[in-house]
Amino acid sequence: MKIFTTNAELLQKAQQEKYAVGAFNLNNMEIAQAIIETAQEERAPVILQASQGALQYAGVDYIAAIARAAAERVTVPVSLHLDHGTSFEQNVECIRAGY
């Protein structure tokens, strides 16, 4: 089952239909809940971003798990994005975790 959509899919549709897609940094469960509940209320697709601070605080897998749990609770499209990856290895780790 596909939980996340890709940024490319989100942004292609947004460009075609002329609307913006918000991208918000995700650091913990409470922030994820606020972002995802608001996206659902507004019926707006959303990009959850993992910053370097979030990855240092919680780790790649925990951030992915929080984002996945949030995305499973809504009907709007959700993507998970690595915000400013610092290395090839980190990028690969995030891709493998579902970013």
C-alpha atoms as a PDB file:
ATOM      1  CA  MET A   1       0.000   0.000   0.000  1.00  0.00           C
ATOM      2  CA  LYS A   2       1.353   3.394  -1.016  1.00  0.00           C
ATOM      3  CA  ILE A   3       1.176   5.840   1.869  1.00  0.00           C
ATOM      4  CA  PHE A   4       3.210   8.749   0.543  1.00  0.00           C
ATOM      5  CA  THR A   5       2.925  10.420  -2.820  1.00  0.00           C
ATOM      6  CA  THR A   6       5.979  11.974  -4.430  1.00  0.00           C
ATOM      7  CA  ASN A   7       6.793  15.654  -4.500  1.00  0.00           C
ATOM      8  CA  ALA A   8       6.786  15.422  -8.294  1.00  0.00           C
ATOM      9  CA  GLU A   9       3.201  14.124  -8.296  1.00  0.00           C
ATOM     10  CA  LEU A  10       2.061  16.769  -5.804  1.00  0.00           C
ATOM     11  CA  LEU A  11       3.737  19.622  -7.625  1.00  0.00           C
ATOM     12  CA  GLN A  12       2.724  18.574 -11.140  1.00  0.00           C
ATOM     13  CA  LYS A  13      -0.937  18.609 -10.166  1.00  0.00           C
ATOM     14  CA  ALA A  14      -0.522  21.880  -8.281  1.00  0.00           C
ATOM     15  CA  GLN A  15       1.099  23.488 -11.301  1.00  0.00           C
ATOM     16  CA  GLN A  16      -1.630  22.231 -13.637  1.00  0.00           C
ATOM     17  CA  GLU A  17      -4.417  23.386 -11.326  1.00  0.00           C
ATOM     18  CA  LYS A  18      -2.619  26.561 -10.227  1.00  0.00           C
ATOM     19  CA  TYR A  19      -2.349  26.189  -6.460  1.00  0.00           C
ATOM     20  CA  ALA A  20       0.500  26.059  -3.948  1.00  0.00           C
ATOM     21  CA  VAL A  21       1.516  23.113  -1.776  1.00  0.00           C
ATOM     22  CA  GLY A  22       2.714  23.866   1.730  1.00  0.00           C
ATOM     23  CA  ALA A  23       5.899  22.238   3.015  1.00  0.00           C
ATOM     24  CA  PHE A  24       6.320  22.157   6.781  1.00  0.00           C
ATOM     25  CA  ASN A  25       9.150  20.892   8.966  1.00  0.00           C
ATOM     26  CA  LEU A  26       8.264  17.895  11.080  1.00  0.00           C
ATOM     27  CA  ASN A  27      10.175  17.535  14.356  1.00  0.00           C
ATOM     28  CA  ASN A  28       7.910  15.465  16.563  1.00  0.00           C
ATOM     29  CA  MET A  29       4.484  13.854  16.857  1.00  0.00           C
ATOM     30  CA  GLU A  30       2.676  16.972  18.019  1.00  0.00           C
ATOM     31  CA  ILE A  31       3.918  19.043  15.112  1.00  0.00           C
ATOM     32  CA  ALA A  32       2.993  16.241  12.700  1.00  0.00           C
ATOM     33  CA  GLN A  33      -0.515  16.104  14.157  1.00  0.00           C
ATOM     34  CA  ALA A  34      -0.993  19.855  13.778  1.00  0.00           C
ATOM     35  CA  ILE A  35       0.260  19.859  10.181  1.00  0.00           C
ATOM     36  CA  ILE A  36      -1.711  16.838   9.048  1.00  0.00           C
ATOM     37  CA  GLU A  37      -4.970  17.780  10.801  1.00  0.00           C
ATOM     38  CA  THR A  38      -4.859  21.237   9.235  1.00  0.00           C
ATOM     39  CA  ALA A  39      -4.096  19.810   5.789  1.00  0.00           C
ATOM     40  CA  GLN A  40      -7.105  17.511   6.126  1.00  0.00           C
ATOM     41  CA  GLU A  41      -9.378  20.320   7.328  1.00  0.00           C
ATOM     42  CA  GLU A  42      -8.320  22.460   4.370  1.00  0.00           C
ATOM     43  CA  ARG A  43      -8.448  19.479   1.984  1.00  0.00           C
ATOM     44  CA  ALA A  44      -4.952  20.486   0.877  1.00  0.00           C
ATOM     45  CA  PRO A  45      -2.049  18.252  -0.110  1.00  0.00           C
ATOM     46  CA  VAL A  46       0.999  18.708   2.088  1.00  0.00           C
ATOM     47  CA  ILE A  47       4.730  18.079   2.140  1.00  0.00           C
ATOM     48  CA  LEU A  48       6.160  16.953   5.474  1.00  0.00           C
ATOM     49  CA  GLN A  49       9.828  17.956   5.628  1.00  0.00           C
ATOM     50  CA  ALA A  50      12.553  16.480   7.808  1.00  0.00           C
ATOM     51  CA  SER A  51      15.197  19.070   8.635  1.00  0.00           C
ATOM     52  CA  GLN A  52      18.694  18.241   9.803  1.00  0.00           C
ATOM     53  CA  GLY A  53      17.666  19.271  13.305  1.00  0.00           C
ATOM     54  CA  ALA A  54      14.756  16.833  13.246  1.00  0.00           C
ATOM     55  CA  LEU A  55      16.998  14.023  12.045  1.00  0.00           C
ATOM     56  CA  GLN A  56      19.521  14.763  14.784  1.00  0.00           C
ATOM     57  CA  TYR A  57      16.751  14.935  17.377  1.00  0.00           C
ATOM     58  CA  ALA A  58      14.670  11.897  16.422  1.00  0.00           C
ATOM     59  CA  GLY A  59      16.501  10.046  13.659  1.00  0.00           C
ATOM     60  CA  VAL A  60      15.556   9.082  10.113  1.00  0.00           C
ATOM     61  CA  ASP A  61      13.396   6.090  11.062  1.00  0.00           C
ATOM     62  CA  TYR A  62      11.434   7.829  13.825  1.00  0.00           C
ATOM     63  CA  ILE A  63      10.633  10.814  11.616  1.00  0.00           C
ATOM     64  CA  ALA A  64       9.537   8.474   8.814  1.00  0.00           C
ATOM     65  CA  ALA A  65       7.357   6.497  11.238  1.00  0.00           C
ATOM     66  CA  ILE A  66       5.707   9.636  12.607  1.00  0.00           C
ATOM     67  CA  ALA A  67       5.053  10.927   9.083  1.00  0.00           C
ATOM     68  CA  ARG A  68       3.695   7.541   7.980  1.00  0.00           C
ATOM     69  CA  ALA A  69       1.329   7.346  10.962  1.00  0.00           C
ATOM     70  CA  ALA A  70       0.097  10.866  10.247  1.00  0.00           C
ATOM     71  CA  ALA A  71      -0.379  10.243   6.512  1.00  0.00           C
ATOM     72  CA  GLU A  72      -2.397   7.087   7.168  1.00  0.00           C
ATOM     73  CA  ARG A  73      -5.004   9.142   9.035  1.00  0.00           C
ATOM     74  CA  VAL A  74      -5.931  11.525   6.220  1.00  0.00           C
ATOM     75  CA  THR A  75      -7.297  11.401   2.709  1.00  0.00           C
ATOM     76  CA  VAL A  76      -5.221  14.267   1.302  1.00  0.00           C
ATOM     77  CA  PRO A  77      -1.975  13.485  -0.530  1.00  0.00           C
ATOM     78  CA  VAL A  78       1.123  13.613   1.694  1.00  0.00           C
ATOM     79  CA  SER A  79       4.792  13.421   0.762  1.00  0.00           C
ATOM     80  CA  LEU A  80       7.840  13.087   3.004  1.00  0.00           C
ATOM     81  CA  HIS A  81      10.806  15.219   1.992  1.00  0.00           C
ATOM     82  CA  LEU A  82      14.397  15.405   3.224  1.00  0.00           C
ATOM     83  CA  ASP A  83      15.072  19.110   3.671  1.00  0.00           C
ATOM     84  CA  HIS A  84      18.688  19.850   2.713  1.00  0.00           C
ATOM     85  CA  GLY A  85      20.365  16.450   2.811  1.00  0.00           C
ATOM     86  CA  THR A  86      23.985  16.628   3.909  1.00  0.00           C
ATOM     87  CA  SER A  87      25.502  13.580   2.237  1.00  0.00           C
ATOM     88  CA  PHE A  88      24.926  10.883  -0.333  1.00  0.00           C
ATOM     89  CA  GLU A  89      24.693   8.341   2.489  1.00  0.00           C
ATOM     90  CA  GLN A  90      22.018  10.337   4.299  1.00  0.00           C
ATOM     91  CA  ASN A  91      20.032  10.699   1.094  1.00  0.00           C
ATOM     92  CA  VAL A  92      20.157   6.939   0.505  1.00  0.00           C
ATOM     93  CA  GLU A  93      19.155   6.227   4.121  1.00  0.00           C
ATOM     94  CA  CYS A  94      16.158   8.532   3.786  1.00  0.00           C
ATOM     95  CA  ILE A  95      15.093   7.052   0.440  1.00  0.00           C
ATOM     96  CA  ARG A  96      15.217   3.587   1.983  1.00  0.00           C
ATOM     97  CA  ALA A  97      13.057   4.840   4.870  1.00  0.00           C
ATOM     98  CA  GLY A  98      10.376   6.098   2.471  1.00  0.00           C
ATOM     99  CA  TYR A  99      11.275   9.751   1.989  1.00  0.00           C
END
